[in-house]
Amino acid sequence: MTEIAPDAARTRRGRLMLIALFVLFFGSAFGAAVLRLSGWMPAGLKNHGELLQPPTDLRQAQPFLADGRAYEWNPAERTWRIVVAPPRPCAAECTQLLAELDKVWRLFGHNADQVEILWLGPLPAGAPAQSGVRELRDDPALRTMLPRSEDPAGIPLFVIDPNGFVVLRYPPHADPSGLRTDVARLLKLK
């Protein structure tokens, strides 16, 4: 009879260990599923801009540069675009935004040639020439295709993927470092 007791204790311990492993494995999977279905994401994986669902397709739009040449989307070059659609009379706010965007563009470093800043309409008077900025003719049709571009709070920014889809929108006065972080993540996608 003394031999039966150690086996029963060992069996009970083995069962408890099996239950603990079961709870550990399936409990963490259940917890992850609950977090995923609730929409929670770690802060490092969230966008700073608003992800547009569905993205707006601009491939059929034909923008023109200020000098009259057609602007081609050219997806093979893998160029991401930051689009600014300022209101018609725009002075001090546009000049400040242009300086912030130039700083963001320069911070891309060796990846800066994969990012263009498209300015819809004339640049602010007296704005210095900047290599990352391409001035587009003001096109009301293109402006209306940009989601909520006429924002009374200020100038929203948009990110367009290499194929010509508007994928992110930044509200007026958004932190430029958030824009830089998001576009830097997108540049890593190839």
C-alpha atoms as a PDB file:
ATOM      1  CA  MET A   1       0.000   0.000   0.000  1.00  0.00           C
ATOM      2  CA  THR A   2       2.822   2.393   0.556  1.00  0.00           C
ATOM      3  CA  GLU A   3       3.794   2.205  -3.112  1.00  0.00           C
ATOM      4  CA  ILE A   4       0.329   3.375  -4.313  1.00  0.00           C
ATOM      5  CA  ALA A   5       0.478   6.718  -2.520  1.00  0.00           C
ATOM      6  CA  PRO A   6       3.594   8.033  -4.342  1.00  0.00           C
ATOM      7  CA  ASP A   7       2.105   7.061  -7.713  1.00  0.00           C
ATOM      8  CA  ALA A   8      -1.164   8.874  -6.923  1.00  0.00           C
ATOM      9  CA  ALA A   9       0.768  11.996  -5.893  1.00  0.00           C
ATOM     10  CA  ARG A  10       2.900  11.803  -9.027  1.00  0.00           C
ATOM     11  CA  THR A  11      -0.216  11.372 -11.196  1.00  0.00           C
ATOM     12  CA  ARG A  12      -1.923  14.338  -9.525  1.00  0.00           C
ATOM     13  CA  ARG A  13       1.223  16.471 -10.038  1.00  0.00           C
ATOM     14  CA  GLY A  14       1.411  15.397 -13.687  1.00  0.00           C
ATOM     15  CA  ARG A  15      -2.238  16.312 -14.249  1.00  0.00           C
ATOM     16  CA  LEU A  16      -1.782  19.709 -12.622  1.00  0.00           C
ATOM     17  CA  MET A  17       1.291  20.320 -14.794  1.00  0.00           C
ATOM     18  CA  LEU A  18      -0.679  19.364 -17.917  1.00  0.00           C
ATOM     19  CA  ILE A  19      -3.532  21.699 -16.924  1.00  0.00           C
ATOM     20  CA  ALA A  20      -1.057  24.525 -16.214  1.00  0.00           C
ATOM     21  CA  LEU A  21       0.572  24.073 -19.638  1.00  0.00           C
ATOM     22  CA  PHE A  22      -2.851  23.977 -21.291  1.00  0.00           C
ATOM     23  CA  VAL A  23      -3.913  27.209 -19.536  1.00  0.00           C
ATOM     24  CA  LEU A  24      -0.582  28.878 -20.317  1.00  0.00           C
ATOM     25  CA  PHE A  25      -0.735  28.051 -24.027  1.00  0.00           C
ATOM     26  CA  PHE A  26      -4.423  28.540 -24.752  1.00  0.00           C
ATOM     27  CA  GLY A  27      -4.834  31.379 -22.237  1.00  0.00           C
ATOM     28  CA  SER A  28      -2.207  33.507 -23.964  1.00  0.00           C
ATOM     29  CA  ALA A  29      -3.704  32.690 -27.386  1.00  0.00           C
ATOM     30  CA  PHE A  30      -7.169  33.631 -26.063  1.00  0.00           C
ATOM     31  CA  GLY A  31      -5.799  36.878 -24.579  1.00  0.00           C
ATOM     32  CA  ALA A  32      -4.109  37.782 -27.872  1.00  0.00           C
ATOM     33  CA  ALA A  33      -7.339  37.076 -29.771  1.00  0.00           C
ATOM     34  CA  VAL A  34      -9.336  39.300 -27.392  1.00  0.00           C
ATOM     35  CA  LEU A  35      -6.838  42.166 -27.817  1.00  0.00           C
ATOM     36  CA  ARG A  36      -6.794  41.777 -31.612  1.00  0.00           C
ATOM     37  CA  LEU A  37     -10.579  41.658 -31.930  1.00  0.00           C
ATOM     38  CA  SER A  38     -10.965  44.691 -29.662  1.00  0.00           C
ATOM     39  CA  GLY A  39      -8.773  46.721 -32.033  1.00  0.00           C
ATOM     40  CA  TRP A  40      -5.915  47.286 -29.614  1.00  0.00           C
ATOM     41  CA  MET A  41      -2.439  47.617 -31.099  1.00  0.00           C
ATOM     42  CA  PRO A  42       0.894  48.372 -29.446  1.00  0.00           C
ATOM     43  CA  ALA A  43       1.811  52.067 -29.636  1.00  0.00           C
ATOM     44  CA  GLY A  44       4.823  51.309 -31.831  1.00  0.00           C
ATOM     45  CA  LEU A  45       2.604  49.838 -34.547  1.00  0.00           C
ATOM     46  CA  LYS A  46      -0.023  52.579 -34.751  1.00  0.00           C
ATOM     47  CA  ASN A  47      -0.100  55.197 -37.482  1.00  0.00           C
ATOM     48  CA  HIS A  48       0.105  58.829 -36.518  1.00  0.00           C
ATOM     49  CA  GLY A  49      -2.082  59.709 -39.486  1.00  0.00           C
ATOM     50  CA  GLU A  50      -5.574  58.491 -40.268  1.00  0.00           C
ATOM     51  CA  LEU A  51      -5.510  55.311 -42.356  1.00  0.00           C
ATOM     52  CA  LEU A  52      -8.018  55.802 -45.166  1.00  0.00           C
ATOM     53  CA  GLN A  53     -10.300  52.827 -45.711  1.00  0.00           C
ATOM     54  CA  PRO A  54     -10.698  52.378 -48.601  1.00  0.00           C
ATOM     55  CA  PRO A  55      -7.781  54.349 -50.018  1.00  0.00           C
ATOM     56  CA  THR A  56      -8.673  56.966 -52.620  1.00  0.00           C
ATOM     57  CA  ASP A  57      -7.557  56.040 -56.135  1.00  0.00           C
ATOM     58  CA  LEU A  58      -5.852  58.965 -57.912  1.00  0.00           C
ATOM     59  CA  ARG A  59      -4.414  56.900 -60.788  1.00  0.00           C
ATOM     60  CA  GLN A  60      -6.963  58.269 -63.249  1.00  0.00           C
ATOM     61  CA  ALA A  61      -6.272  61.867 -62.202  1.00  0.00           C
ATOM     62  CA  GLN A  62      -3.690  63.596 -64.353  1.00  0.00           C
ATOM     63  CA  PRO A  63      -1.912  66.252 -62.292  1.00  0.00           C
ATOM     64  CA  PHE A  64       0.251  68.806 -64.051  1.00  0.00           C
ATOM     65  CA  LEU A  65       3.392  70.456 -62.768  1.00  0.00           C
ATOM     66  CA  ALA A  66       3.459  74.254 -62.545  1.00  0.00           C
ATOM     67  CA  ASP A  67       5.407  74.421 -65.817  1.00  0.00           C
ATOM     68  CA  GLY A  68       2.634  72.533 -67.662  1.00  0.00           C
ATOM     69  CA  ARG A  69       4.276  69.097 -67.938  1.00  0.00           C
ATOM     70  CA  ALA A  70       2.195  66.094 -66.880  1.00  0.00           C
ATOM     71  CA  TYR A  71       3.098  64.554 -63.544  1.00  0.00           C
ATOM     72  CA  GLU A  72       3.382  60.779 -63.940  1.00  0.00           C
ATOM     73  CA  TRP A  73       2.669  58.422 -61.021  1.00  0.00           C
ATOM     74  CA  ASN A  74       5.296  55.928 -62.279  1.00  0.00           C
ATOM     75  CA  PRO A  75       4.893  53.112 -59.707  1.00  0.00           C
ATOM     76  CA  ALA A  76       8.119  51.404 -60.839  1.00  0.00           C
ATOM     77  CA  GLU A  77      10.182  54.166 -59.154  1.00  0.00           C
ATOM     78  CA  ARG A  78       8.632  53.318 -55.739  1.00  0.00           C
ATOM     79  CA  THR A  79       8.234  57.007 -54.845  1.00  0.00           C
ATOM     80  CA  TRP A  80       5.995  57.950 -51.914  1.00  0.00           C
ATOM     81  CA  ARG A  81       4.358  61.372 -52.007  1.00  0.00           C
ATOM     82  CA  ILE A  82       3.316  63.835 -49.342  1.00  0.00           C
ATOM     83  CA  VAL A  83       0.594  66.068 -50.746  1.00  0.00           C
ATOM     84  CA  VAL A  84      -0.303  69.515 -49.455  1.00  0.00           C
ATOM     85  CA  ALA A  85      -3.538  71.127 -50.634  1.00  0.00           C
ATOM     86  CA  PRO A  86      -3.469  74.593 -49.030  1.00  0.00           C
ATOM     87  CA  PRO A  87      -6.360  77.032 -49.327  1.00  0.00           C
ATOM     88  CA  ARG A  88      -6.032  79.663 -52.043  1.00  0.00           C
ATOM     89  CA  PRO A  89      -4.934  82.629 -49.895  1.00  0.00           C
ATOM     90  CA  CYS A  90      -2.173  81.149 -47.780  1.00  0.00           C
ATOM     91  CA  ALA A  91       0.776  83.073 -46.400  1.00  0.00           C
ATOM     92  CA  ALA A  92       2.385  82.627 -42.983  1.00  0.00           C
ATOM     93  CA  GLU A  93       0.860  79.214 -42.220  1.00  0.00           C
ATOM     94  CA  CYS A  94       1.978  77.883 -45.619  1.00  0.00           C
ATOM     95  CA  THR A  95       5.504  79.222 -45.219  1.00  0.00           C
ATOM     96  CA  GLN A  96       5.825  77.572 -41.806  1.00  0.00           C
ATOM     97  CA  LEU A  97       4.368  74.287 -43.127  1.00  0.00           C
ATOM     98  CA  LEU A  98       6.745  74.345 -46.090  1.00  0.00           C
ATOM     99  CA  ALA A  99       9.727  74.785 -43.734  1.00  0.00           C
ATOM    100  CA  GLU A 100       8.525  71.880 -41.547  1.00  0.00           C
ATOM    101  CA  LEU A 101       8.046  69.626 -44.573  1.00  0.00           C
ATOM    102  CA  ASP A 102      11.499  70.522 -45.874  1.00  0.00           C
ATOM    103  CA  LYS A 103      12.955  69.489 -42.509  1.00  0.00           C
ATOM    104  CA  VAL A 104      10.980  66.205 -42.609  1.00  0.00           C
ATOM    105  CA  TRP A 105      12.183  65.542 -46.166  1.00  0.00           C
ATOM    106  CA  ARG A 106      15.819  66.190 -45.226  1.00  0.00           C
ATOM    107  CA  LEU A 107      15.537  63.833 -42.240  1.00  0.00           C
ATOM    108  CA  PHE A 108      14.854  60.947 -44.617  1.00  0.00           C
ATOM    109  CA  GLY A 109      18.561  61.160 -45.488  1.00  0.00           C
ATOM    110  CA  HIS A 110      19.549  58.663 -48.162  1.00  0.00           C
ATOM    111  CA  ASN A 111      15.853  57.724 -48.632  1.00  0.00           C
ATOM    112  CA  ALA A 112      14.853  61.295 -49.479  1.00  0.00           C
ATOM    113  CA  ASP A 113      15.000  60.534 -53.203  1.00  0.00           C
ATOM    114  CA  GLN A 114      12.093  58.094 -52.642  1.00  0.00           C
ATOM    115  CA  VAL A 115       9.841  60.850 -51.243  1.00  0.00           C
ATOM    116  CA  GLU A 116       8.354  63.836 -53.044  1.00  0.00           C
ATOM    117  CA  ILE A 117       6.374  66.674 -51.558  1.00  0.00           C
ATOM    118  CA  LEU A 118       3.629  67.752 -53.952  1.00  0.00           C
ATOM    119  CA  TRP A 119       2.287  71.253 -53.351  1.00  0.00           C
ATOM    120  CA  LEU A 120      -1.131  71.702 -54.979  1.00  0.00           C
ATOM    121  CA  GLY A 121      -1.271  75.299 -56.164  1.00  0.00           C
ATOM    122  CA  PRO A 122       1.277  78.099 -56.071  1.00  0.00           C
ATOM    123  CA  LEU A 123       3.969  78.059 -53.407  1.00  0.00           C
ATOM    124  CA  PRO A 124       3.848  80.885 -50.849  1.00  0.00           C
ATOM    125  CA  ALA A 125       5.288  84.154 -52.088  1.00  0.00           C
ATOM    126  CA  GLY A 126       8.987  84.420 -51.318  1.00  0.00           C
ATOM    127  CA  ALA A 127       9.334  80.737 -50.399  1.00  0.00           C
ATOM    128  CA  PRO A 128      12.877  79.472 -50.917  1.00  0.00           C
ATOM    129  CA  ALA A 129      13.437  76.800 -53.575  1.00  0.00           C
ATOM    130  CA  GLN A 130      13.492  73.338 -52.023  1.00  0.00           C
ATOM    131  CA  SER A 131      14.658  70.231 -53.825  1.00  0.00           C
ATOM    132  CA  GLY A 132      12.036  67.860 -52.386  1.00  0.00           C
ATOM    133  CA  VAL A 133       9.029  70.034 -53.307  1.00  0.00           C
ATOM    134  CA  ARG A 134       7.249  69.754 -56.659  1.00  0.00           C
ATOM    135  CA  GLU A 135       4.691  72.443 -57.407  1.00  0.00           C
ATOM    136  CA  LEU A 136       1.503  71.199 -59.087  1.00  0.00           C
ATOM    137  CA  ARG A 137      -1.054  73.311 -60.898  1.00  0.00           C
ATOM    138  CA  ASP A 138      -4.096  73.878 -58.754  1.00  0.00           C
ATOM    139  CA  ASP A 139      -6.675  71.409 -60.018  1.00  0.00           C
ATOM    140  CA  PRO A 140     -10.140  71.580 -58.399  1.00  0.00           C
ATOM    141  CA  ALA A 141     -10.920  68.003 -59.530  1.00  0.00           C
ATOM    142  CA  LEU A 142      -7.772  66.653 -57.861  1.00  0.00           C
ATOM    143  CA  ARG A 143      -8.433  68.747 -54.764  1.00  0.00           C
ATOM    144  CA  THR A 144     -11.938  67.267 -54.375  1.00  0.00           C
ATOM    145  CA  MET A 145     -10.522  63.726 -54.685  1.00  0.00           C
ATOM    146  CA  LEU A 146      -8.408  64.296 -51.569  1.00  0.00           C
ATOM    147  CA  PRO A 147     -10.559  63.295 -48.560  1.00  0.00           C
ATOM    148  CA  ARG A 148     -11.672  66.308 -46.522  1.00  0.00           C
ATOM    149  CA  SER A 149      -9.073  68.600 -48.084  1.00  0.00           C
ATOM    150  CA  GLU A 150     -11.133  71.717 -47.344  1.00  0.00           C
ATOM    151  CA  ASP A 151     -10.665  71.684 -43.581  1.00  0.00           C
ATOM    152  CA  PRO A 152     -11.614  74.933 -41.801  1.00  0.00           C
ATOM    153  CA  ALA A 153      -9.061  74.161 -39.059  1.00  0.00           C
ATOM    154  CA  GLY A 154      -6.105  74.470 -41.442  1.00  0.00           C
ATOM    155  CA  ILE A 155      -4.095  72.500 -43.988  1.00  0.00           C
ATOM    156  CA  PRO A 156      -4.329  68.703 -43.939  1.00  0.00           C
ATOM    157  CA  LEU A 157      -1.539  66.536 -45.361  1.00  0.00           C
ATOM    158  CA  PHE A 158      -1.902  63.343 -47.381  1.00  0.00           C
ATOM    159  CA  VAL A 159       0.409  60.422 -48.128  1.00  0.00           C
ATOM    160  CA  ILE A 160       0.110  58.785 -51.540  1.00  0.00           C
ATOM    161  CA  ASP A 161       1.632  55.380 -52.225  1.00  0.00           C
ATOM    162  CA  PRO A 162       3.799  54.706 -55.307  1.00  0.00           C
ATOM    163  CA  ASN A 163       0.767  53.472 -57.272  1.00  0.00           C
ATOM    164  CA  GLY A 164      -1.300  56.633 -56.778  1.00  0.00           C
ATOM    165  CA  PHE A 165      -3.560  55.713 -53.838  1.00  0.00           C
ATOM    166  CA  VAL A 166      -4.137  58.179 -50.986  1.00  0.00           C
ATOM    167  CA  VAL A 167      -3.482  55.983 -47.939  1.00  0.00           C
ATOM    168  CA  LEU A 168      -3.019  58.390 -44.998  1.00  0.00           C
ATOM    169  CA  ARG A 169      -4.494  61.747 -43.989  1.00  0.00           C
ATOM    170  CA  TYR A 170      -3.015  64.036 -41.336  1.00  0.00           C
ATOM    171  CA  PRO A 171      -5.238  66.662 -39.750  1.00  0.00           C
ATOM    172  CA  PRO A 172      -4.242  70.324 -39.767  1.00  0.00           C
ATOM    173  CA  HIS A 173      -1.407  71.174 -37.374  1.00  0.00           C
ATOM    174  CA  ALA A 174      -0.400  67.484 -37.019  1.00  0.00           C
ATOM    175  CA  ASP A 175       3.028  66.824 -35.562  1.00  0.00           C
ATOM    176  CA  PRO A 176       5.505  66.552 -38.471  1.00  0.00           C
ATOM    177  CA  SER A 177       7.520  63.940 -36.570  1.00  0.00           C
ATOM    178  CA  GLY A 178       4.515  61.594 -36.770  1.00  0.00           C
ATOM    179  CA  LEU A 179       4.381  62.087 -40.535  1.00  0.00           C
ATOM    180  CA  ARG A 180       8.093  61.360 -40.786  1.00  0.00           C
ATOM    181  CA  THR A 181       7.767  58.199 -38.668  1.00  0.00           C
ATOM    182  CA  ASP A 182       4.882  56.858 -40.750  1.00  0.00           C
ATOM    183  CA  VAL A 183       6.542  57.547 -44.101  1.00  0.00           C
ATOM    184  CA  ALA A 184       9.845  56.090 -42.854  1.00  0.00           C
ATOM    185  CA  ARG A 185       7.981  52.858 -42.017  1.00  0.00           C
ATOM    186  CA  LEU A 186       6.372  52.865 -45.456  1.00  0.00           C
ATOM    187  CA  LEU A 187       9.757  53.339 -47.139  1.00  0.00           C
ATOM    188  CA  LYS A 188      10.884  50.058 -45.596  1.00  0.00           C
ATOM    189  CA  LEU A 189       8.133  48.236 -47.494  1.00  0.00           C
ATOM    190  CA  LYS A 190       9.451  47.104 -50.840  1.00  0.00           C
END
